[in-house]
PDB file of N, CA and C in Angstrom:
ATOM      1  N   MET A   1     -46.249 153.650  59.461  1.00  0.00           N
ATOM      2  CA  MET A   1     -46.048 153.675  60.896  1.00  0.00           C
ATOM      3  C   MET A   1     -45.309 152.391  61.282  1.00  0.00           C
ATOM      4  N   SER A   2     -44.260 152.551  62.039  1.00  0.00           N
ATOM      5  CA  SER A   2     -43.469 151.385  62.437  1.00  0.00           C
ATOM      6  C   SER A   2     -44.177 150.613  63.551  1.00  0.00           C
ATOM      7  N   THR A   3     -43.711 149.408  63.774  1.00  0.00           N
ATOM      8  CA  THR A   3     -44.268 148.594  64.847  1.00  0.00           C
ATOM      9  C   THR A   3     -44.089 149.289  66.188  1.00  0.00           C
ATOM     10  N   ALA A   4     -42.932 149.901  66.398  1.00  0.00           N
ATOM     11  CA  ALA A   4     -42.680 150.617  67.652  1.00  0.00           C
ATOM     12  C   ALA A   4     -43.666 151.770  67.824  1.00  0.00           C
ATOM     13  N   ASP A   5     -43.937 152.503  66.742  1.00  0.00           N
ATOM     14  CA  ASP A   5     -44.898 153.605  66.808  1.00  0.00           C
ATOM     15  C   ASP A   5     -46.297 153.091  67.131  1.00  0.00           C
ATOM     16  N   MET A   6     -46.667 151.979  66.530  1.00  0.00           N
ATOM     17  CA  MET A   6     -47.982 151.391  66.784  1.00  0.00           C
ATOM     18  C   MET A   6     -48.100 150.957  68.241  1.00  0.00           C
ATOM     19  N   LEU A   7     -47.053 150.358  68.776  1.00  0.00           N
ATOM     20  CA  LEU A   7     -47.072 149.926  70.170  1.00  0.00           C
ATOM     21  C   LEU A   7     -47.149 151.118  71.120  1.00  0.00           C
ATOM     22  N   ARG A   8     -46.428 152.191  70.799  1.00  0.00           N
ATOM     23  CA  ARG A   8     -46.499 153.401  71.621  1.00  0.00           C
ATOM     24  C   ARG A   8     -47.897 154.003  71.585  1.00  0.00           C
ATOM     25  N   ALA A   9     -48.494 154.056  70.412  1.00  0.00           N
ATOM     26  CA  ALA A   9     -49.839 154.613  70.270  1.00  0.00           C
ATOM     27  C   ALA A   9     -50.848 153.784  71.051  1.00  0.00           C
ATOM     28  N   GLU A  10     -50.737 152.466  70.968  1.00  0.00           N
ATOM     29  CA  GLU A  10     -51.653 151.591  71.704  1.00  0.00           C
ATOM     30  C   GLU A  10     -51.457 151.762  73.211  1.00  0.00           C
ATOM     31  N   GLY A  11     -50.212 151.915  73.636  1.00  0.00           N
ATOM     32  CA  GLY A  11     -49.929 152.136  75.050  1.00  0.00           C
ATOM     33  C   GLY A  11     -50.505 153.457  75.540  1.00  0.00           C
ATOM     34  N   ALA A  12     -50.403 154.492  74.714  1.00  0.00           N
ATOM     35  CA  ALA A  12     -50.958 155.798  75.069  1.00  0.00           C
ATOM     36  C   ALA A  12     -52.478 155.726  75.174  1.00  0.00           C
ATOM     37  N   LEU A  13     -53.111 155.036  74.239  1.00  0.00           N
ATOM     38  CA  LEU A  13     -54.566 154.882  74.272  1.00  0.00           C
ATOM     39  C   LEU A  13     -54.982 154.122  75.519  1.00  0.00           C
ATOM     40  N   GLU A  14     -54.275 153.070  75.845  1.00  0.00           N
ATOM     41  CA  GLU A  14     -54.602 152.287  77.040  1.00  0.00           C
ATOM     42  C   GLU A  14     -54.466 153.150  78.293  1.00  0.00           C
ATOM     43  N   ALA A  15     -53.447 153.987  78.343  1.00  0.00           N
ATOM     44  CA  ALA A  15     -53.265 154.880  79.490  1.00  0.00           C
ATOM     45  C   ALA A  15     -54.423 155.871  79.604  1.00  0.00           C
ATOM     46  N   LEU A  16     -54.878 156.416  78.486  1.00  0.00           N
ATOM     47  CA  LEU A  16     -56.027 157.326  78.505  1.00  0.00           C
ATOM     48  C   LEU A  16     -57.279 156.611  78.990  1.00  0.00           C
ATOM     49  N   ARG A  17     -57.493 155.407  78.498  1.00  0.00           N
ATOM     50  CA  ARG A  17     -58.654 154.629  78.934  1.00  0.00           C
ATOM     51  C   ARG A  17     -58.615 154.374  80.427  1.00  0.00           C
ATOM     52  N   GLU A  18     -57.449 153.943  80.920  1.00  0.00           N
ATOM     53  CA  GLU A  18     -57.307 153.652  82.349  1.00  0.00           C
ATOM     54  C   GLU A  18     -57.543 154.907  83.188  1.00  0.00           C
ATOM     55  N   GLY A  19     -57.005 156.029  82.732  1.00  0.00           N
ATOM     56  CA  GLY A  19     -57.197 157.280  83.454  1.00  0.00           C
ATOM     57  C   GLY A  19     -58.657 157.685  83.506  1.00  0.00           C
ATOM     58  N   LEU A  20     -59.351 157.562  82.390  1.00  0.00           N
ATOM     59  CA  LEU A  20     -60.767 157.925  82.362  1.00  0.00           C
ATOM     60  C   LEU A  20     -61.581 156.964  83.216  1.00  0.00           C
ATOM     61  N   LEU A  21     -61.284 155.683  83.142  1.00  0.00           N
ATOM     62  CA  LEU A  21     -61.993 154.717  83.991  1.00  0.00           C
ATOM     63  C   LEU A  21     -61.826 155.063  85.467  1.00  0.00           C
ATOM     64  N   GLU A  22     -60.621 155.408  85.857  1.00  0.00           N
ATOM     65  CA  GLU A  22     -60.374 155.752  87.255  1.00  0.00           C
ATOM     66  C   GLU A  22     -61.140 157.008  87.662  1.00  0.00           C
ATOM     67  N   GLN A  23     -61.124 158.024  86.820  1.00  0.00           N
ATOM     68  CA  GLN A  23     -61.835 159.259  87.135  1.00  0.00           C
ATOM     69  C   GLN A  23     -63.349 159.041  87.201  1.00  0.00           C
ATOM     70  N   LEU A  24     -63.876 158.255  86.271  1.00  0.00           N
ATOM     71  CA  LEU A  24     -65.314 157.945  86.297  1.00  0.00           C
ATOM     72  C   LEU A  24     -65.681 157.198  87.568  1.00  0.00           C
ATOM     73  N   ASP A  25     -64.852 156.257  87.950  1.00  0.00           N
ATOM     74  CA  ASP A  25     -65.095 155.471  89.159  1.00  0.00           C
ATOM     75  C   ASP A  25     -65.067 156.362  90.406  1.00  0.00           C
ATOM     76  N   ILE A  26     -64.144 157.282  90.459  1.00  0.00           N
ATOM     77  CA  ILE A  26     -64.048 158.202  91.603  1.00  0.00           C
ATOM     78  C   ILE A  26     -65.276 159.107  91.672  1.00  0.00           C
ATOM     79  N   LYS A  27     -65.677 159.661  90.535  1.00  0.00           N
ATOM     80  CA  LYS A  27     -66.766 160.639  90.510  1.00  0.00           C
ATOM     81  C   LYS A  27     -68.151 159.999  90.620  1.00  0.00           C
ATOM     82  N   PHE A  28     -68.343 158.837  89.970  1.00  0.00           N
ATOM     83  CA  PHE A  28     -69.681 158.265  89.876  1.00  0.00           C
ATOM     84  C   PHE A  28     -69.839 156.927  90.593  1.00  0.00           C
ATOM     85  N   GLY A  29     -68.768 156.400  91.171  1.00  0.00           N
ATOM     86  CA  GLY A  29     -68.832 155.112  91.857  1.00  0.00           C
ATOM     87  C   GLY A  29     -68.542 153.967  90.903  1.00  0.00           C
ATOM     88  N   PRO A  30     -68.633 152.750  91.421  1.00  0.00           N
ATOM     89  CA  PRO A  30     -68.310 151.572  90.601  1.00  0.00           C
ATOM     90  C   PRO A  30     -69.088 151.566  89.286  1.00  0.00           C
ATOM     91  N   LEU A  31     -68.375 151.260  88.220  1.00  0.00           N
ATOM     92  CA  LEU A  31     -68.974 151.291  86.891  1.00  0.00           C
ATOM     93  C   LEU A  31     -69.548 149.942  86.499  1.00  0.00           C
ATOM     94  N   ASP A  32     -70.629 149.993  85.775  1.00  0.00           N
ATOM     95  CA  ASP A  32     -71.262 148.806  85.221  1.00  0.00           C
ATOM     96  C   ASP A  32     -70.286 148.148  84.240  1.00  0.00           C
ATOM     97  N   PRO A  33     -70.255 146.814  84.194  1.00  0.00           N
ATOM     98  CA  PRO A  33     -69.358 146.133  83.243  1.00  0.00           C
ATOM     99  C   PRO A  33     -69.577 146.568  81.797  1.00  0.00           C
ATOM    100  N   ALA A  34     -70.798 146.889  81.418  1.00  0.00           N
ATOM    101  CA  ALA A  34     -71.068 147.326  80.040  1.00  0.00           C
ATOM    102  C   ALA A  34     -70.386 148.657  79.743  1.00  0.00           C
ATOM    103  N   VAL A  35     -70.356 149.551  80.727  1.00  0.00           N
ATOM    104  CA  VAL A  35     -69.688 150.839  80.552  1.00  0.00           C
ATOM    105  C   VAL A  35     -68.184 150.610  80.410  1.00  0.00           C
ATOM    106  N   ARG A  36     -67.630 149.769  81.269  1.00  0.00           N
ATOM    107  CA  ARG A  36     -66.200 149.449  81.196  1.00  0.00           C
ATOM    108  C   ARG A  36     -65.849 148.866  79.828  1.00  0.00           C
ATOM    109  N   SER A  37     -66.654 147.937  79.374  1.00  0.00           N
ATOM    110  CA  SER A  37     -66.405 147.282  78.095  1.00  0.00           C
ATOM    111  C   SER A  37     -66.456 148.289  76.947  1.00  0.00           C
ATOM    112  N   ARG A  38     -67.450 149.159  76.991  1.00  0.00           N
ATOM    113  CA  ARG A  38     -67.592 150.175  75.941  1.00  0.00           C
ATOM    114  C   ARG A  38     -66.345 151.059  75.886  1.00  0.00           C
ATOM    115  N   LEU A  39     -65.871 151.485  77.049  1.00  0.00           N
ATOM    116  CA  LEU A  39     -64.698 152.345  77.102  1.00  0.00           C
ATOM    117  C   LEU A  39     -63.450 151.601  76.664  1.00  0.00           C
ATOM    118  N   GLU A  40     -63.312 150.361  77.074  1.00  0.00           N
ATOM    119  CA  GLU A  40     -62.121 149.574  76.744  1.00  0.00           C
ATOM    120  C   GLU A  40     -62.019 149.260  75.257  1.00  0.00           C
ATOM    121  N   GLN A  41     -63.125 149.356  74.538  1.00  0.00           N
ATOM    122  CA  GLN A  41     -63.114 149.049  73.110  1.00  0.00           C
ATOM    123  C   GLN A  41     -63.152 150.294  72.221  1.00  0.00           C
ATOM    124  N   ALA A  42     -63.265 151.464  72.841  1.00  0.00           N
ATOM    125  CA  ALA A  42     -63.422 152.702  72.080  1.00  0.00           C
ATOM    126  C   ALA A  42     -62.098 153.154  71.456  1.00  0.00           C
ATOM    127  N   PRO A  43     -62.179 153.758  70.262  1.00  0.00           N
ATOM    128  CA  PRO A  43     -60.976 154.305  69.621  1.00  0.00           C
ATOM    129  C   PRO A  43     -60.549 155.616  70.292  1.00  0.00           C
ATOM    130  N   LEU A  44     -59.364 156.061  69.976  1.00  0.00           N
ATOM    131  CA  LEU A  44     -58.778 157.252  70.581  1.00  0.00           C
ATOM    132  C   LEU A  44     -59.693 158.478  70.490  1.00  0.00           C
ATOM    133  N   GLU A  45     -60.272 158.720  69.344  1.00  0.00           N
ATOM    134  CA  GLU A  45     -61.113 159.903  69.166  1.00  0.00           C
ATOM    135  C   GLU A  45     -62.287 159.897  70.122  1.00  0.00           C
ATOM    136  N   GLN A  46     -62.884 158.739  70.334  1.00  0.00           N
ATOM    137  CA  GLN A  46     -64.037 158.639  71.229  1.00  0.00           C
ATOM    138  C   GLN A  46     -63.619 158.806  72.680  1.00  0.00           C
ATOM    139  N   VAL A  47     -62.516 158.181  73.071  1.00  0.00           N
ATOM    140  CA  VAL A  47     -62.021 158.312  74.445  1.00  0.00           C
ATOM    141  C   VAL A  47     -61.707 159.780  74.737  1.00  0.00           C
ATOM    142  N   THR A  48     -61.094 160.460  73.789  1.00  0.00           N
ATOM    143  CA  THR A  48     -60.769 161.870  73.952  1.00  0.00           C
ATOM    144  C   THR A  48     -62.030 162.704  74.134  1.00  0.00           C
ATOM    145  N   ALA A  49     -63.055 162.438  73.349  1.00  0.00           N
ATOM    146  CA  ALA A  49     -64.323 163.169  73.473  1.00  0.00           C
ATOM    147  C   ALA A  49     -64.945 162.933  74.845  1.00  0.00           C
ATOM    148  N   TRP A  50     -64.930 161.699  75.308  1.00  0.00           N
ATOM    149  CA  TRP A  50     -65.492 161.393  76.629  1.00  0.00           C
ATOM    150  C   TRP A  50     -64.697 162.075  77.735  1.00  0.00           C
ATOM    151  N   MET A  51     -63.382 162.130  77.598  1.00  0.00           N
ATOM    152  CA  MET A  51     -62.550 162.803  78.603  1.00  0.00           C
ATOM    153  C   MET A  51     -62.913 164.282  78.681  1.00  0.00           C
ATOM    154  N   ARG A  52     -63.127 164.899  77.557  1.00  0.00           N
ATOM    155  CA  ARG A  52     -63.497 166.317  77.541  1.00  0.00           C
ATOM    156  C   ARG A  52     -64.858 166.534  78.178  1.00  0.00           C
ATOM    157  N   ARG A  53     -65.795 165.674  77.863  1.00  0.00           N
ATOM    158  CA  ARG A  53     -67.139 165.801  78.456  1.00  0.00           C
ATOM    159  C   ARG A  53     -67.107 165.574  79.957  1.00  0.00           C
ATOM    160  N   PHE A  54     -66.298 164.614  80.393  1.00  0.00           N
ATOM    161  CA  PHE A  54     -66.207 164.285  81.812  1.00  0.00           C
ATOM    162  C   PHE A  54     -65.948 165.527  82.655  1.00  0.00           C
ATOM    163  N   ALA A  55     -65.135 166.422  82.131  1.00  0.00           N
ATOM    164  CA  ALA A  55     -64.743 167.614  82.885  1.00  0.00           C
ATOM    165  C   ALA A  55     -65.898 168.563  83.159  1.00  0.00           C
ATOM    166  N   ILE A  56     -66.981 168.476  82.398  1.00  0.00           N
ATOM    167  CA  ILE A  56     -68.051 169.476  82.522  1.00  0.00           C
ATOM    168  C   ILE A  56     -69.430 168.909  82.843  1.00  0.00           C
ATOM    169  N   VAL A  57     -69.556 167.602  82.988  1.00  0.00           N
ATOM    170  CA  VAL A  57     -70.881 167.012  83.192  1.00  0.00           C
ATOM    171  C   VAL A  57     -71.139 166.669  84.657  1.00  0.00           C
ATOM    172  N   SER A  58     -72.416 166.401  84.953  1.00  0.00           N
ATOM    173  CA  SER A  58     -72.830 166.061  86.309  1.00  0.00           C
ATOM    174  C   SER A  58     -73.190 164.601  86.475  1.00  0.00           C
ATOM    175  N   THR A  59     -73.484 163.920  85.370  1.00  0.00           N
ATOM    176  CA  THR A  59     -73.909 162.522  85.462  1.00  0.00           C
ATOM    177  C   THR A  59     -73.095 161.645  84.528  1.00  0.00           C
ATOM    178  N   LEU A  60     -73.034 160.370  84.852  1.00  0.00           N
ATOM    179  CA  LEU A  60     -72.327 159.417  84.006  1.00  0.00           C
ATOM    180  C   LEU A  60     -72.940 159.358  82.610  1.00  0.00           C
ATOM    181  N   GLY A  61     -74.249 159.399  82.530  1.00  0.00           N
ATOM    182  CA  GLY A  61     -74.925 159.352  81.235  1.00  0.00           C
ATOM    183  C   GLY A  61     -74.506 160.481  80.309  1.00  0.00           C
ATOM    184  N   GLU A  62     -74.261 161.656  80.879  1.00  0.00           N
ATOM    185  CA  GLU A  62     -73.856 162.800  80.068  1.00  0.00           C
ATOM    186  C   GLU A  62     -72.483 162.597  79.443  1.00  0.00           C
ATOM    187  N   VAL A  63     -71.629 161.838  80.093  1.00  0.00           N
ATOM    188  CA  VAL A  63     -70.303 161.569  79.539  1.00  0.00           C
ATOM    189  C   VAL A  63     -70.443 160.838  78.207  1.00  0.00           C
ATOM    190  N   PHE A  64     -71.362 159.898  78.146  1.00  0.00           N
ATOM    191  CA  PHE A  64     -71.478 159.023  76.983  1.00  0.00           C
ATOM    192  C   PHE A  64     -72.549 159.448  75.976  1.00  0.00           C
ATOM    193  N   ASP A  65     -73.274 160.535  76.253  1.00  0.00           N
ATOM    194  CA  ASP A  65     -74.246 161.025  75.290  1.00  0.00           C
ATOM    195  C   ASP A  65     -73.529 161.447  74.014  1.00  0.00           C
ATOM    196  N   SER A  66     -74.135 161.147  72.882  1.00  0.00           N
ATOM    197  CA  SER A  66     -73.505 161.516  71.591  1.00  0.00           C
ATOM    198  C   SER A  66     -73.871 162.920  71.201  1.00  0.00           C
TER     199      SER A  66
END
């Protein structure tokens, strides 16, 4: 993977994280710093799983349940 590809992938992941953070904030209100930190450090696969759960859950806790 080239440096350009790595930078694009990191940019895409950051965009997904930002989008999920915004949606969580809209639906559930201001997020705890620990939740923000957890999301900001999560790999792509985990962020994707949380995004999918977000669409069908009623509580913030359900988004992050394993």
